[in-house]
């Protein structure tokens, strides 16, 4: 079955170009031209991925993103003309999985979308159905983290990060490896998207774990999922 993508974009010419590009590459692409009603459309159609503009009529992309992240865990890619670093950081902190600035070549956006979809399916293969670290359980089949049996509300991208670190428990993982595995790109030396994702994940785990969060920073090397 073809992957279904919802594009929330009010620029008619760009939206039509993206729909044509993704359709030609074998995707099912549907368009929603304003913020109002976007959340309802996503929850009704349950796409594989959402491409979301930030500056939308009716309701801002930030509001759409915030509402989606409280009810839907699928991958969200922000596509916007804003070059304000605050918007970039805010989008990632609210739970976006990737952030692409306009203008962008359709083939570049296509590659980023494919990388996100690839990562959202990383739980298959020969990996165990459940990883256990004390009271923390990572359920790969359900794509869910639980503490003492209670689900921890994390986004799809945060789950991918947690799963990757847990599969490499006891080994220090650098930014270069994280960017290749989780974003499908090389680390440019300045992007802090992965660091923000780690910060959000730690905050969610800290609210539920009575003991210290297993994800630790290692000076000069980056992150370690510690096994006590």
N, C-alpha and C. Protein backbone atom coordinates (compact mmCIF):
# COMPACT_ATOMS: atom_id res chain seq x y z
N UNK A 1 0.84 -1.20 0.00
CA UNK A 1 0.00 0.00 0.00
C UNK A 1 0.88 1.25 0.00
N UNK A 2 0.52 2.27 -0.83
CA UNK A 2 1.30 3.49 -0.93
C UNK A 2 1.24 4.26 0.38
N UNK A 3 2.34 4.94 0.71
CA UNK A 3 2.35 5.80 1.89
C UNK A 3 1.46 7.01 1.66
N UNK A 4 0.68 7.34 2.68
CA UNK A 4 -0.21 8.49 2.61
C UNK A 4 0.41 9.65 3.36
N UNK A 5 0.52 10.80 2.70
CA UNK A 5 1.07 12.02 3.29
C UNK A 5 0.02 13.12 3.22
N UNK A 6 -0.16 13.85 4.32
CA UNK A 6 -1.01 15.03 4.32
C UNK A 6 -0.11 16.25 4.33
N UNK A 7 -0.33 17.16 3.37
CA UNK A 7 0.43 18.39 3.25
C UNK A 7 -0.47 19.54 3.70
N UNK A 8 -0.08 20.22 4.77
CA UNK A 8 -0.85 21.37 5.27
C UNK A 8 -0.09 22.61 4.84
N UNK A 9 -0.54 23.24 3.76
CA UNK A 9 0.21 24.31 3.10
C UNK A 9 -0.77 25.23 2.38
N UNK A 10 -0.66 26.55 2.61
CA UNK A 10 -1.60 27.49 1.99
C UNK A 10 -1.06 28.12 0.71
N UNK A 11 0.21 27.93 0.39
CA UNK A 11 0.79 28.42 -0.87
C UNK A 11 0.35 27.46 -1.98
N UNK A 12 -0.59 27.92 -2.80
CA UNK A 12 -1.22 27.04 -3.78
C UNK A 12 -0.23 26.44 -4.77
N UNK A 13 0.68 27.27 -5.30
CA UNK A 13 1.61 26.75 -6.30
C UNK A 13 2.57 25.73 -5.69
N UNK A 14 3.07 26.02 -4.49
CA UNK A 14 3.97 25.07 -3.83
C UNK A 14 3.23 23.79 -3.45
N UNK A 15 2.04 23.93 -2.91
CA UNK A 15 1.27 22.76 -2.51
C UNK A 15 0.99 21.84 -3.70
N UNK A 16 0.62 22.44 -4.84
CA UNK A 16 0.35 21.63 -6.03
C UNK A 16 1.62 20.95 -6.53
N UNK A 17 2.75 21.66 -6.46
CA UNK A 17 4.03 21.08 -6.89
C UNK A 17 4.40 19.89 -6.01
N UNK A 18 4.22 20.04 -4.69
CA UNK A 18 4.56 18.96 -3.77
C UNK A 18 3.64 17.76 -3.97
N UNK A 19 2.35 18.01 -4.13
CA UNK A 19 1.41 16.91 -4.36
C UNK A 19 1.78 16.15 -5.63
N UNK A 20 2.12 16.89 -6.69
CA UNK A 20 2.50 16.26 -7.96
C UNK A 20 3.78 15.44 -7.79
N UNK A 21 4.77 16.01 -7.07
CA UNK A 21 6.05 15.31 -6.88
C UNK A 21 5.86 14.02 -6.11
N UNK A 22 5.16 14.08 -4.99
CA UNK A 22 4.99 12.89 -4.16
C UNK A 22 4.11 11.85 -4.85
N UNK A 23 3.10 12.30 -5.55
CA UNK A 23 2.24 11.35 -6.28
C UNK A 23 3.03 10.63 -7.36
N UNK A 24 3.89 11.37 -8.06
CA UNK A 24 4.71 10.77 -9.12
C UNK A 24 5.68 9.75 -8.56
N UNK A 25 6.07 9.91 -7.30
CA UNK A 25 7.01 8.98 -6.66
C UNK A 25 6.31 7.86 -5.91
N UNK A 26 5.01 7.72 -6.11
CA UNK A 26 4.32 6.57 -5.54
C UNK A 26 3.62 6.81 -4.22
N UNK A 27 3.56 8.07 -3.76
CA UNK A 27 2.86 8.38 -2.52
C UNK A 27 1.40 8.75 -2.81
N UNK A 28 0.58 8.65 -1.79
CA UNK A 28 -0.76 9.23 -1.83
C UNK A 28 -0.68 10.55 -1.07
N UNK A 29 -0.80 11.66 -1.77
CA UNK A 29 -0.63 12.98 -1.16
C UNK A 29 -1.95 13.73 -1.20
N UNK A 30 -2.42 14.16 -0.03
CA UNK A 30 -3.62 14.98 0.05
C UNK A 30 -3.26 16.32 0.67
N UNK A 31 -4.06 17.34 0.33
CA UNK A 31 -3.72 18.71 0.68
C UNK A 31 -4.78 19.32 1.59
N UNK A 32 -4.32 20.06 2.59
CA UNK A 32 -5.20 20.86 3.43
C UNK A 32 -4.60 22.25 3.46
N UNK A 33 -5.38 23.29 3.11
CA UNK A 33 -4.81 24.60 2.83
C UNK A 33 -4.87 25.59 3.99
N UNK A 34 -5.33 25.18 5.17
CA UNK A 34 -5.36 26.10 6.30
C UNK A 34 -5.19 25.34 7.60
N UNK A 35 -4.86 26.09 8.66
CA UNK A 35 -4.65 25.44 9.95
C UNK A 35 -5.93 24.89 10.55
N UNK A 36 -7.02 25.65 10.41
CA UNK A 36 -8.29 25.19 10.96
C UNK A 36 -8.71 23.89 10.28
N UNK A 37 -9.04 22.90 11.08
CA UNK A 37 -9.48 21.61 10.55
C UNK A 37 -8.36 20.65 10.23
N UNK A 38 -7.10 21.10 10.32
CA UNK A 38 -5.97 20.22 9.97
C UNK A 38 -5.86 19.05 10.95
N UNK A 39 -6.02 19.32 12.23
CA UNK A 39 -5.92 18.26 13.23
C UNK A 39 -6.98 17.20 13.00
N UNK A 40 -8.21 17.65 12.75
CA UNK A 40 -9.30 16.71 12.51
C UNK A 40 -9.04 15.86 11.27
N UNK A 41 -8.46 16.48 10.23
CA UNK A 41 -8.17 15.73 9.00
C UNK A 41 -7.13 14.65 9.26
N UNK A 42 -6.08 14.99 10.01
CA UNK A 42 -5.04 14.01 10.31
C UNK A 42 -5.61 12.85 11.14
N UNK A 43 -6.40 13.17 12.15
CA UNK A 43 -6.94 12.13 13.01
C UNK A 43 -7.95 11.26 12.28
N UNK A 44 -8.61 11.83 11.27
CA UNK A 44 -9.58 11.06 10.49
C UNK A 44 -8.89 10.14 9.48
N UNK A 45 -7.83 10.64 8.83
CA UNK A 45 -7.19 9.89 7.75
C UNK A 45 -5.97 9.10 8.20
N UNK A 46 -5.39 9.46 9.35
CA UNK A 46 -4.23 8.75 9.92
C UNK A 46 -3.15 8.49 8.86
N UNK A 47 -2.52 9.55 8.37
CA UNK A 47 -1.48 9.38 7.33
C UNK A 47 -0.20 8.79 7.90
N UNK A 48 0.72 8.45 7.01
CA UNK A 48 2.03 7.97 7.44
C UNK A 48 2.89 9.13 7.92
N UNK A 49 2.63 10.35 7.40
CA UNK A 49 3.46 11.50 7.73
C UNK A 49 2.70 12.78 7.40
N UNK A 50 3.00 13.85 8.14
CA UNK A 50 2.40 15.17 7.89
C UNK A 50 3.50 16.17 7.57
N UNK A 51 3.33 16.92 6.48
CA UNK A 51 4.18 18.07 6.17
C UNK A 51 3.39 19.31 6.56
N UNK A 52 3.94 20.12 7.46
CA UNK A 52 3.18 21.21 8.07
C UNK A 52 3.87 22.55 7.91
N UNK A 53 3.16 23.50 7.28
CA UNK A 53 3.65 24.88 7.24
C UNK A 53 3.34 25.54 8.58
N UNK A 54 4.14 26.54 8.96
CA UNK A 54 3.91 27.23 10.23
C UNK A 54 2.97 28.42 10.09
N UNK A 55 3.07 29.14 8.97
CA UNK A 55 2.26 30.35 8.78
C UNK A 55 1.04 30.00 7.94
N UNK A 56 -0.07 29.73 8.63
CA UNK A 56 -1.28 29.24 7.98
C UNK A 56 -2.47 30.13 8.34
N UNK A 57 -3.43 30.26 7.46
CA UNK A 57 -4.65 30.98 7.81
C UNK A 57 -5.53 30.13 8.74
N UNK A 58 -6.26 30.80 9.60
CA UNK A 58 -7.21 30.10 10.47
C UNK A 58 -6.62 29.64 11.78
N UNK A 59 -5.45 29.03 11.73
CA UNK A 59 -4.77 28.53 12.93
C UNK A 59 -3.30 28.34 12.59
N UNK A 60 -2.42 28.78 13.46
CA UNK A 60 -0.99 28.69 13.14
C UNK A 60 -0.52 27.25 13.15
N UNK A 61 0.59 27.02 12.44
CA UNK A 61 1.18 25.69 12.43
C UNK A 61 1.62 25.25 13.81
N UNK A 62 2.05 26.20 14.64
CA UNK A 62 2.43 25.86 16.01
C UNK A 62 1.23 25.29 16.79
N UNK A 63 0.06 25.91 16.61
CA UNK A 63 -1.14 25.42 17.29
C UNK A 63 -1.53 24.03 16.78
N UNK A 64 -1.41 23.84 15.47
CA UNK A 64 -1.70 22.53 14.89
C UNK A 64 -0.74 21.49 15.45
N UNK A 65 0.55 21.83 15.48
CA UNK A 65 1.57 20.91 15.98
C UNK A 65 1.31 20.55 17.44
N UNK A 66 1.00 21.55 18.25
CA UNK A 66 0.75 21.32 19.67
C UNK A 66 -0.45 20.39 19.87
N UNK A 67 -1.51 20.63 19.11
CA UNK A 67 -2.71 19.80 19.23
C UNK A 67 -2.47 18.38 18.73
N UNK A 68 -1.73 18.25 17.65
CA UNK A 68 -1.44 16.91 17.11
C UNK A 68 -0.61 16.09 18.08
N UNK A 69 0.38 16.74 18.70
CA UNK A 69 1.28 15.98 19.57
C UNK A 69 0.60 15.48 20.84
N UNK A 70 -0.58 16.02 21.16
CA UNK A 70 -1.30 15.53 22.33
C UNK A 70 -2.18 14.32 22.00
N UNK A 71 -2.33 14.04 20.69
CA UNK A 71 -3.24 12.96 20.30
C UNK A 71 -2.69 12.01 19.26
N UNK A 72 -1.60 12.37 18.58
CA UNK A 72 -1.10 11.59 17.43
C UNK A 72 0.42 11.55 17.48
N UNK A 73 1.01 10.38 17.27
CA UNK A 73 2.46 10.21 17.44
C UNK A 73 3.21 10.03 16.14
N UNK A 74 2.56 10.17 14.99
CA UNK A 74 3.23 9.97 13.71
C UNK A 74 4.23 11.08 13.41
N UNK A 75 5.11 10.87 12.42
CA UNK A 75 6.14 11.86 12.09
C UNK A 75 5.56 13.13 11.48
N UNK A 76 6.11 14.27 11.91
CA UNK A 76 5.69 15.58 11.42
C UNK A 76 6.93 16.33 10.95
N UNK A 77 6.89 16.81 9.70
CA UNK A 77 7.97 17.60 9.13
C UNK A 77 7.47 19.03 8.94
N UNK A 78 8.14 20.00 9.56
CA UNK A 78 7.78 21.40 9.38
C UNK A 78 8.45 21.92 8.11
N UNK A 79 7.66 22.61 7.28
CA UNK A 79 8.17 23.24 6.06
C UNK A 79 7.73 24.70 6.10
N UNK A 80 8.68 25.63 6.22
CA UNK A 80 8.29 27.02 6.42
C UNK A 80 9.30 27.98 5.82
N UNK A 81 8.82 29.18 5.50
CA UNK A 81 9.69 30.24 4.98
C UNK A 81 10.35 31.02 6.10
N UNK A 82 9.95 30.79 7.34
CA UNK A 82 10.54 31.51 8.46
C UNK A 82 12.00 31.10 8.65
N UNK A 83 12.87 32.11 8.79
CA UNK A 83 14.27 31.83 9.07
C UNK A 83 14.65 32.25 10.49
N UNK A 84 13.63 32.41 11.32
CA UNK A 84 13.84 32.78 12.72
C UNK A 84 14.28 31.55 13.51
N UNK A 85 15.49 31.56 14.11
CA UNK A 85 15.94 30.40 14.88
C UNK A 85 14.98 30.04 16.01
N UNK A 86 14.27 31.04 16.55
CA UNK A 86 13.31 30.75 17.63
C UNK A 86 12.19 29.85 17.12
N UNK A 87 11.73 30.11 15.89
CA UNK A 87 10.69 29.25 15.31
C UNK A 87 11.20 27.83 15.14
N UNK A 88 12.45 27.70 14.70
CA UNK A 88 13.06 26.38 14.51
C UNK A 88 13.08 25.62 15.83
N UNK A 89 13.61 26.26 16.86
CA UNK A 89 13.71 25.61 18.16
C UNK A 89 12.32 25.30 18.72
N UNK A 90 11.40 26.25 18.60
CA UNK A 90 10.05 26.04 19.13
C UNK A 90 9.35 24.86 18.46
N UNK A 91 9.51 24.75 17.14
CA UNK A 91 8.90 23.64 16.43
C UNK A 91 9.41 22.30 16.91
N UNK A 92 10.73 22.20 17.09
CA UNK A 92 11.31 20.94 17.56
C UNK A 92 10.91 20.66 19.00
N UNK A 93 10.86 21.69 19.83
CA UNK A 93 10.48 21.48 21.22
C UNK A 93 9.02 21.05 21.35
N UNK A 94 8.18 21.49 20.42
CA UNK A 94 6.77 21.10 20.45
C UNK A 94 6.55 19.69 19.91
N UNK A 95 7.59 19.08 19.33
CA UNK A 95 7.47 17.69 18.92
C UNK A 95 7.63 17.41 17.45
N UNK A 96 8.01 18.41 16.64
CA UNK A 96 8.27 18.13 15.22
C UNK A 96 9.48 17.21 15.09
N UNK A 97 9.47 16.36 14.07
CA UNK A 97 10.55 15.40 13.85
C UNK A 97 11.64 15.95 12.94
N UNK A 98 11.31 16.94 12.12
CA UNK A 98 12.30 17.53 11.23
C UNK A 98 11.82 18.92 10.85
N UNK A 99 12.72 19.74 10.34
CA UNK A 99 12.42 21.15 10.04
C UNK A 99 13.15 21.50 8.76
N UNK A 100 12.41 21.92 7.73
CA UNK A 100 13.00 22.26 6.44
C UNK A 100 12.57 23.67 6.06
N UNK A 101 13.53 24.50 5.68
CA UNK A 101 13.22 25.87 5.29
C UNK A 101 12.88 25.99 3.81
N UNK A 102 12.05 26.96 3.48
CA UNK A 102 11.74 27.29 2.09
C UNK A 102 12.73 28.35 1.63
N UNK A 103 13.08 28.36 0.34
CA UNK A 103 12.67 27.40 -0.68
C UNK A 103 13.44 26.09 -0.54
N UNK A 104 12.83 25.01 -1.00
CA UNK A 104 13.48 23.71 -0.94
C UNK A 104 13.21 22.97 -2.25
N UNK A 105 14.20 22.27 -2.75
CA UNK A 105 14.02 21.46 -3.95
C UNK A 105 13.12 20.28 -3.61
N UNK A 106 12.13 19.97 -4.44
CA UNK A 106 11.23 18.85 -4.15
C UNK A 106 11.95 17.54 -3.88
N UNK A 107 13.04 17.27 -4.61
CA UNK A 107 13.77 16.01 -4.39
C UNK A 107 14.46 15.97 -3.04
N UNK A 108 14.89 17.14 -2.55
CA UNK A 108 15.49 17.21 -1.22
C UNK A 108 14.44 16.92 -0.16
N UNK A 109 13.27 17.52 -0.31
CA UNK A 109 12.18 17.27 0.63
C UNK A 109 11.75 15.81 0.57
N UNK A 110 11.72 15.25 -0.62
CA UNK A 110 11.37 13.84 -0.79
C UNK A 110 12.34 12.95 -0.01
N UNK A 111 13.63 13.26 -0.08
CA UNK A 111 14.63 12.47 0.65
C UNK A 111 14.43 12.57 2.15
N UNK A 112 14.09 13.76 2.65
CA UNK A 112 13.87 13.93 4.08
C UNK A 112 12.63 13.16 4.53
N UNK A 113 11.60 13.17 3.71
CA UNK A 113 10.38 12.43 4.04
C UNK A 113 10.65 10.94 4.08
N UNK A 114 11.37 10.45 3.09
CA UNK A 114 11.69 9.01 3.07
C UNK A 114 12.52 8.61 4.29
N UNK A 115 13.44 9.49 4.70
CA UNK A 115 14.25 9.19 5.89
C UNK A 115 13.38 9.12 7.14
N UNK A 116 12.42 10.04 7.27
CA UNK A 116 11.52 10.01 8.42
C UNK A 116 10.67 8.75 8.43
N UNK A 117 10.15 8.37 7.28
CA UNK A 117 9.33 7.16 7.20
C UNK A 117 10.14 5.92 7.50
N UNK A 118 11.40 5.92 7.05
CA UNK A 118 12.27 4.79 7.33
C UNK A 118 12.48 4.64 8.83
N UNK A 119 12.73 5.75 9.49
CA UNK A 119 12.98 5.70 10.94
C UNK A 119 11.73 5.31 11.71
N UNK A 120 10.56 5.67 11.20
CA UNK A 120 9.33 5.34 11.92
C UNK A 120 9.02 3.85 11.88
N UNK A 121 9.75 3.12 11.02
CA UNK A 121 9.52 1.67 10.92
C UNK A 121 10.69 0.87 11.45
N UNK A 122 11.54 1.51 12.21
CA UNK A 122 12.75 0.84 12.68
C UNK A 122 12.49 -0.27 13.69
N UNK A 123 11.28 -0.39 14.19
CA UNK A 123 11.02 -1.37 15.24
C UNK A 123 10.84 -2.79 14.72
N UNK A 124 10.87 -2.98 13.40
CA UNK A 124 10.69 -4.33 12.85
C UNK A 124 11.99 -5.13 12.90
N UNK A 125 12.05 -6.22 12.13
CA UNK A 125 13.28 -7.01 12.02
C UNK A 125 13.45 -8.00 13.14
N UNK A 126 14.73 -8.26 13.49
CA UNK A 126 15.01 -9.34 14.43
C UNK A 126 15.12 -8.84 15.87
N UNK A 127 14.84 -7.57 16.10
CA UNK A 127 14.95 -7.04 17.45
C UNK A 127 13.88 -7.66 18.35
N UNK A 128 14.15 -7.76 19.66
CA UNK A 128 13.15 -8.30 20.57
C UNK A 128 11.92 -7.41 20.64
N UNK A 129 10.78 -8.03 20.98
CA UNK A 129 9.53 -7.28 21.04
C UNK A 129 9.50 -6.32 22.22
N UNK A 130 10.33 -6.58 23.23
CA UNK A 130 10.33 -5.73 24.42
C UNK A 130 11.72 -5.65 25.01
N UNK A 131 12.16 -4.44 25.34
CA UNK A 131 13.42 -4.23 26.04
C UNK A 131 13.10 -3.76 27.45
N UNK A 132 13.71 -4.35 28.45
CA UNK A 132 13.41 -4.03 29.84
C UNK A 132 14.66 -3.52 30.55
N UNK A 133 14.53 -2.41 31.24
CA UNK A 133 15.60 -1.83 32.04
C UNK A 133 14.98 -1.42 33.37
N UNK A 134 14.94 -2.33 34.31
CA UNK A 134 14.27 -2.06 35.57
C UNK A 134 12.79 -1.84 35.35
N UNK A 135 12.28 -0.73 35.85
CA UNK A 135 10.85 -0.45 35.69
C UNK A 135 10.51 0.15 34.33
N UNK A 136 11.53 0.46 33.53
CA UNK A 136 11.31 1.00 32.19
C UNK A 136 11.23 -0.13 31.18
N UNK A 137 10.12 -0.16 30.42
CA UNK A 137 9.93 -1.13 29.35
C UNK A 137 9.77 -0.38 28.03
N UNK A 138 10.42 -0.88 26.98
CA UNK A 138 10.28 -0.31 25.65
C UNK A 138 9.64 -1.37 24.77
N UNK A 139 8.39 -1.16 24.40
CA UNK A 139 7.60 -2.14 23.64
C UNK A 139 7.74 -1.80 22.17
N UNK A 140 8.57 -2.54 21.44
CA UNK A 140 8.85 -2.20 20.05
C UNK A 140 7.63 -2.41 19.15
N UNK A 141 6.85 -3.46 19.41
CA UNK A 141 5.71 -3.75 18.54
C UNK A 141 4.63 -2.68 18.67
N UNK A 142 4.43 -2.17 19.88
CA UNK A 142 3.43 -1.13 20.11
C UNK A 142 4.01 0.28 19.98
N UNK A 143 5.36 0.35 19.80
CA UNK A 143 6.04 1.64 19.73
C UNK A 143 5.67 2.49 20.94
N UNK A 144 5.93 1.91 22.10
CA UNK A 144 5.49 2.55 23.34
C UNK A 144 6.51 2.32 24.44
N UNK A 145 6.71 3.34 25.26
CA UNK A 145 7.53 3.21 26.47
C UNK A 145 6.61 3.18 27.68
N UNK A 146 6.93 2.30 28.64
CA UNK A 146 6.12 2.19 29.84
C UNK A 146 7.02 2.19 31.07
N UNK A 147 6.53 2.78 32.13
CA UNK A 147 7.20 2.74 33.42
C UNK A 147 6.23 2.12 34.41
N UNK A 148 6.64 0.98 34.96
CA UNK A 148 5.77 0.23 35.89
C UNK A 148 4.40 -0.04 35.26
N UNK A 149 4.42 -0.33 33.95
CA UNK A 149 3.20 -0.68 33.24
C UNK A 149 2.40 0.49 32.73
N UNK A 150 2.79 1.72 33.08
CA UNK A 150 2.03 2.90 32.65
C UNK A 150 2.73 3.55 31.45
N UNK A 151 1.98 3.85 30.37
CA UNK A 151 2.59 4.45 29.18
C UNK A 151 3.19 5.82 29.48
N UNK A 152 4.33 6.09 28.85
CA UNK A 152 4.97 7.40 28.93
C UNK A 152 4.66 8.14 27.63
N UNK A 153 4.02 9.32 27.68
CA UNK A 153 3.65 10.03 26.45
C UNK A 153 4.87 10.66 25.77
N UNK A 154 5.35 10.02 24.71
CA UNK A 154 6.47 10.56 23.94
C UNK A 154 6.10 10.51 22.46
N UNK A 155 6.73 11.38 21.67
CA UNK A 155 6.45 11.44 20.25
C UNK A 155 7.12 10.28 19.51
N UNK A 156 6.78 10.14 18.25
CA UNK A 156 7.36 9.09 17.43
C UNK A 156 8.88 9.25 17.32
N UNK A 157 9.33 10.49 17.14
CA UNK A 157 10.77 10.72 17.01
C UNK A 157 11.49 10.45 18.33
N UNK A 158 10.85 10.77 19.45
CA UNK A 158 11.45 10.49 20.75
C UNK A 158 11.52 9.00 21.01
N UNK A 159 10.49 8.27 20.56
CA UNK A 159 10.53 6.81 20.70
C UNK A 159 11.69 6.23 19.90
N UNK A 160 11.90 6.72 18.67
CA UNK A 160 13.00 6.23 17.84
C UNK A 160 14.35 6.48 18.51
N UNK A 161 14.49 7.65 19.12
CA UNK A 161 15.72 7.98 19.84
C UNK A 161 15.91 7.04 21.03
N UNK A 162 14.86 6.86 21.83
CA UNK A 162 14.94 5.98 23.00
C UNK A 162 15.27 4.56 22.58
N UNK A 163 14.62 4.07 21.52
CA UNK A 163 14.85 2.71 21.06
C UNK A 163 16.28 2.53 20.57
N UNK A 164 16.78 3.50 19.81
CA UNK A 164 18.14 3.39 19.29
C UNK A 164 19.17 3.39 20.43
N UNK A 165 19.00 4.29 21.39
CA UNK A 165 19.94 4.34 22.51
C UNK A 165 19.85 3.08 23.35
N UNK A 166 18.62 2.58 23.57
CA UNK A 166 18.45 1.37 24.37
C UNK A 166 19.07 0.16 23.69
N UNK A 167 18.95 0.08 22.36
CA UNK A 167 19.56 -1.03 21.63
C UNK A 167 21.09 -0.98 21.69
N UNK A 168 21.60 0.21 21.98
CA UNK A 168 23.05 0.38 22.11
C UNK A 168 23.44 0.66 23.56
N UNK A 169 22.65 0.12 24.50
CA UNK A 169 22.88 0.38 25.92
C UNK A 169 24.31 0.01 26.32
N UNK A 170 24.91 0.88 27.12
CA UNK A 170 26.27 0.66 27.58
C UNK A 170 27.34 1.16 26.64
N UNK A 171 26.94 1.70 25.48
CA UNK A 171 27.91 2.20 24.50
C UNK A 171 27.66 3.68 24.25
N UNK A 172 28.71 4.48 24.27
CA UNK A 172 28.58 5.90 23.99
C UNK A 172 28.28 6.10 22.51
N UNK A 173 27.26 6.92 22.23
CA UNK A 173 26.86 7.19 20.84
C UNK A 173 27.08 8.67 20.56
N UNK A 174 27.83 8.97 19.49
CA UNK A 174 28.13 10.35 19.15
C UNK A 174 27.06 10.99 18.29
N UNK A 175 27.13 12.32 18.15
CA UNK A 175 26.15 13.05 17.35
C UNK A 175 26.17 12.59 15.89
N UNK A 176 27.36 12.35 15.35
CA UNK A 176 27.43 11.95 13.94
C UNK A 176 26.62 10.69 13.69
N UNK A 177 26.75 9.71 14.59
CA UNK A 177 26.01 8.46 14.43
C UNK A 177 24.51 8.69 14.60
N UNK A 178 24.14 9.51 15.58
CA UNK A 178 22.73 9.78 15.82
C UNK A 178 22.08 10.46 14.62
N UNK A 179 22.78 11.42 14.02
CA UNK A 179 22.22 12.11 12.87
C UNK A 179 22.08 11.17 11.67
N UNK A 180 23.06 10.32 11.46
CA UNK A 180 22.96 9.38 10.35
C UNK A 180 21.80 8.40 10.56
N UNK A 181 21.68 7.87 11.76
CA UNK A 181 20.68 6.85 12.03
C UNK A 181 19.27 7.41 12.18
N UNK A 182 19.13 8.57 12.81
CA UNK A 182 17.81 9.09 13.15
C UNK A 182 17.29 10.15 12.19
N UNK A 183 18.18 10.86 11.50
CA UNK A 183 17.74 11.91 10.59
C UNK A 183 18.13 11.63 9.14
N UNK A 184 18.98 10.63 8.92
CA UNK A 184 19.37 10.27 7.57
C UNK A 184 20.27 11.29 6.90
N UNK A 185 20.95 12.13 7.70
CA UNK A 185 21.84 13.14 7.15
C UNK A 185 23.13 13.17 7.97
N UNK A 186 24.16 13.82 7.44
CA UNK A 186 25.39 13.99 8.19
C UNK A 186 25.26 15.18 9.14
N UNK A 187 25.88 15.08 10.29
CA UNK A 187 25.86 16.16 11.27
C UNK A 187 26.68 17.34 10.74
N UNK A 188 26.09 18.54 10.77
CA UNK A 188 26.77 19.70 10.19
C UNK A 188 27.63 20.46 11.19
N UNK A 189 27.69 19.98 12.43
CA UNK A 189 28.54 20.63 13.43
C UNK A 189 27.85 21.69 14.25
N UNK A 190 26.64 22.11 13.85
CA UNK A 190 25.98 23.18 14.59
C UNK A 190 24.52 22.87 14.94
N UNK A 191 23.86 22.03 14.17
CA UNK A 191 22.45 21.71 14.43
C UNK A 191 22.29 21.06 15.81
N UNK A 192 21.29 21.50 16.57
CA UNK A 192 21.05 20.95 17.89
C UNK A 192 19.69 20.25 17.99
N UNK A 193 19.17 19.82 16.85
CA UNK A 193 17.87 19.15 16.84
C UNK A 193 17.85 17.88 17.67
N UNK A 194 18.91 17.08 17.57
CA UNK A 194 18.97 15.83 18.34
C UNK A 194 19.07 16.14 19.83
N UNK A 195 19.84 17.17 20.19
CA UNK A 195 19.96 17.54 21.60
C UNK A 195 18.62 17.96 22.18
N UNK A 196 17.83 18.70 21.39
CA UNK A 196 16.50 19.09 21.85
C UNK A 196 15.60 17.87 22.03
N UNK A 197 15.75 16.92 21.11
CA UNK A 197 14.94 15.70 21.21
C UNK A 197 15.31 14.92 22.47
N UNK A 198 16.61 14.84 22.76
CA UNK A 198 17.05 14.17 23.99
C UNK A 198 16.50 14.88 25.21
N UNK A 199 16.52 16.21 25.20
CA UNK A 199 16.02 16.98 26.34
C UNK A 199 14.54 16.70 26.59
N UNK A 200 13.74 16.66 25.51
CA UNK A 200 12.31 16.37 25.67
C UNK A 200 12.10 14.96 26.20
N UNK A 201 12.86 14.01 25.67
CA UNK A 201 12.72 12.62 26.10
C UNK A 201 13.09 12.47 27.57
N UNK A 202 14.18 13.09 27.97
CA UNK A 202 14.59 13.02 29.38
C UNK A 202 13.51 13.59 30.29
N UNK A 203 12.93 14.73 29.89
CA UNK A 203 11.90 15.36 30.72
C UNK A 203 10.70 14.45 30.88
N UNK A 204 10.28 13.78 29.80
CA UNK A 204 9.14 12.86 29.88
C UNK A 204 9.45 11.67 30.77
N UNK A 205 10.65 11.10 30.64
CA UNK A 205 11.02 9.95 31.46
C UNK A 205 11.17 10.35 32.93
N UNK A 206 11.71 11.55 33.16
CA UNK A 206 11.95 11.99 34.54
C UNK A 206 10.64 12.12 35.31
N UNK A 207 9.55 12.47 34.62
CA UNK A 207 8.26 12.61 35.29
C UNK A 207 7.73 11.27 35.78
N UNK A 208 8.20 10.16 35.19
CA UNK A 208 7.64 8.85 35.51
C UNK A 208 8.60 7.94 36.26
N UNK A 209 9.90 8.15 36.07
CA UNK A 209 10.88 7.28 36.73
C UNK A 209 11.23 7.82 38.11
N UNK A 210 11.16 6.97 39.10
CA UNK A 210 11.53 7.39 40.46
C UNK A 210 13.04 7.50 40.60
N UNK A 211 13.77 6.76 39.78
CA UNK A 211 15.23 6.81 39.82
C UNK A 211 15.72 7.67 38.67
N UNK A 212 17.01 7.87 38.59
CA UNK A 212 17.55 8.77 37.57
C UNK A 212 17.35 8.22 36.17
N UNK A 213 17.18 9.13 35.23
CA UNK A 213 16.96 8.78 33.83
C UNK A 213 18.22 8.11 33.27
N UNK A 214 18.08 6.99 32.54
CA UNK A 214 19.27 6.26 32.09
C UNK A 214 20.06 6.93 30.97
N UNK A 215 19.49 7.96 30.33
CA UNK A 215 20.20 8.63 29.24
C UNK A 215 21.11 9.70 29.84
N UNK A 216 22.41 9.51 29.66
CA UNK A 216 23.39 10.41 30.27
C UNK A 216 24.26 11.08 29.21
N UNK A 217 24.70 12.27 29.53
CA UNK A 217 25.62 12.99 28.66
C UNK A 217 27.05 12.62 29.03
N UNK A 218 27.86 12.36 28.02
CA UNK A 218 29.28 12.05 28.23
C UNK A 218 30.08 13.16 27.58
N UNK A 219 30.84 13.89 28.37
CA UNK A 219 31.56 15.07 27.88
C UNK A 219 32.46 14.71 26.69
N UNK A 220 32.25 15.45 25.60
CA UNK A 220 33.08 15.26 24.42
C UNK A 220 32.67 14.10 23.53
N UNK A 221 31.73 13.28 23.99
CA UNK A 221 31.33 12.10 23.20
C UNK A 221 29.83 12.04 22.96
N UNK A 222 29.06 12.69 23.73
CA UNK A 222 27.62 12.86 23.63
C UNK A 222 26.82 11.96 24.54
N UNK A 223 26.14 10.89 24.09
CA UNK A 223 25.13 10.25 24.92
C UNK A 223 25.41 8.76 25.19
N UNK A 224 24.92 8.35 26.36
CA UNK A 224 25.07 6.96 26.79
C UNK A 224 23.79 6.52 27.47
N UNK A 225 23.24 5.39 27.04
CA UNK A 225 22.14 4.75 27.76
C UNK A 225 22.78 3.83 28.79
N UNK A 226 22.75 4.26 30.04
CA UNK A 226 23.50 3.57 31.09
C UNK A 226 22.72 2.38 31.62
N UNK A 227 23.41 1.26 31.78
CA UNK A 227 22.84 0.05 32.37
C UNK A 227 23.47 -0.13 33.73
N UNK A 228 22.70 0.11 34.79
CA UNK A 228 23.23 -0.01 36.15
C UNK A 228 23.19 -1.47 36.61
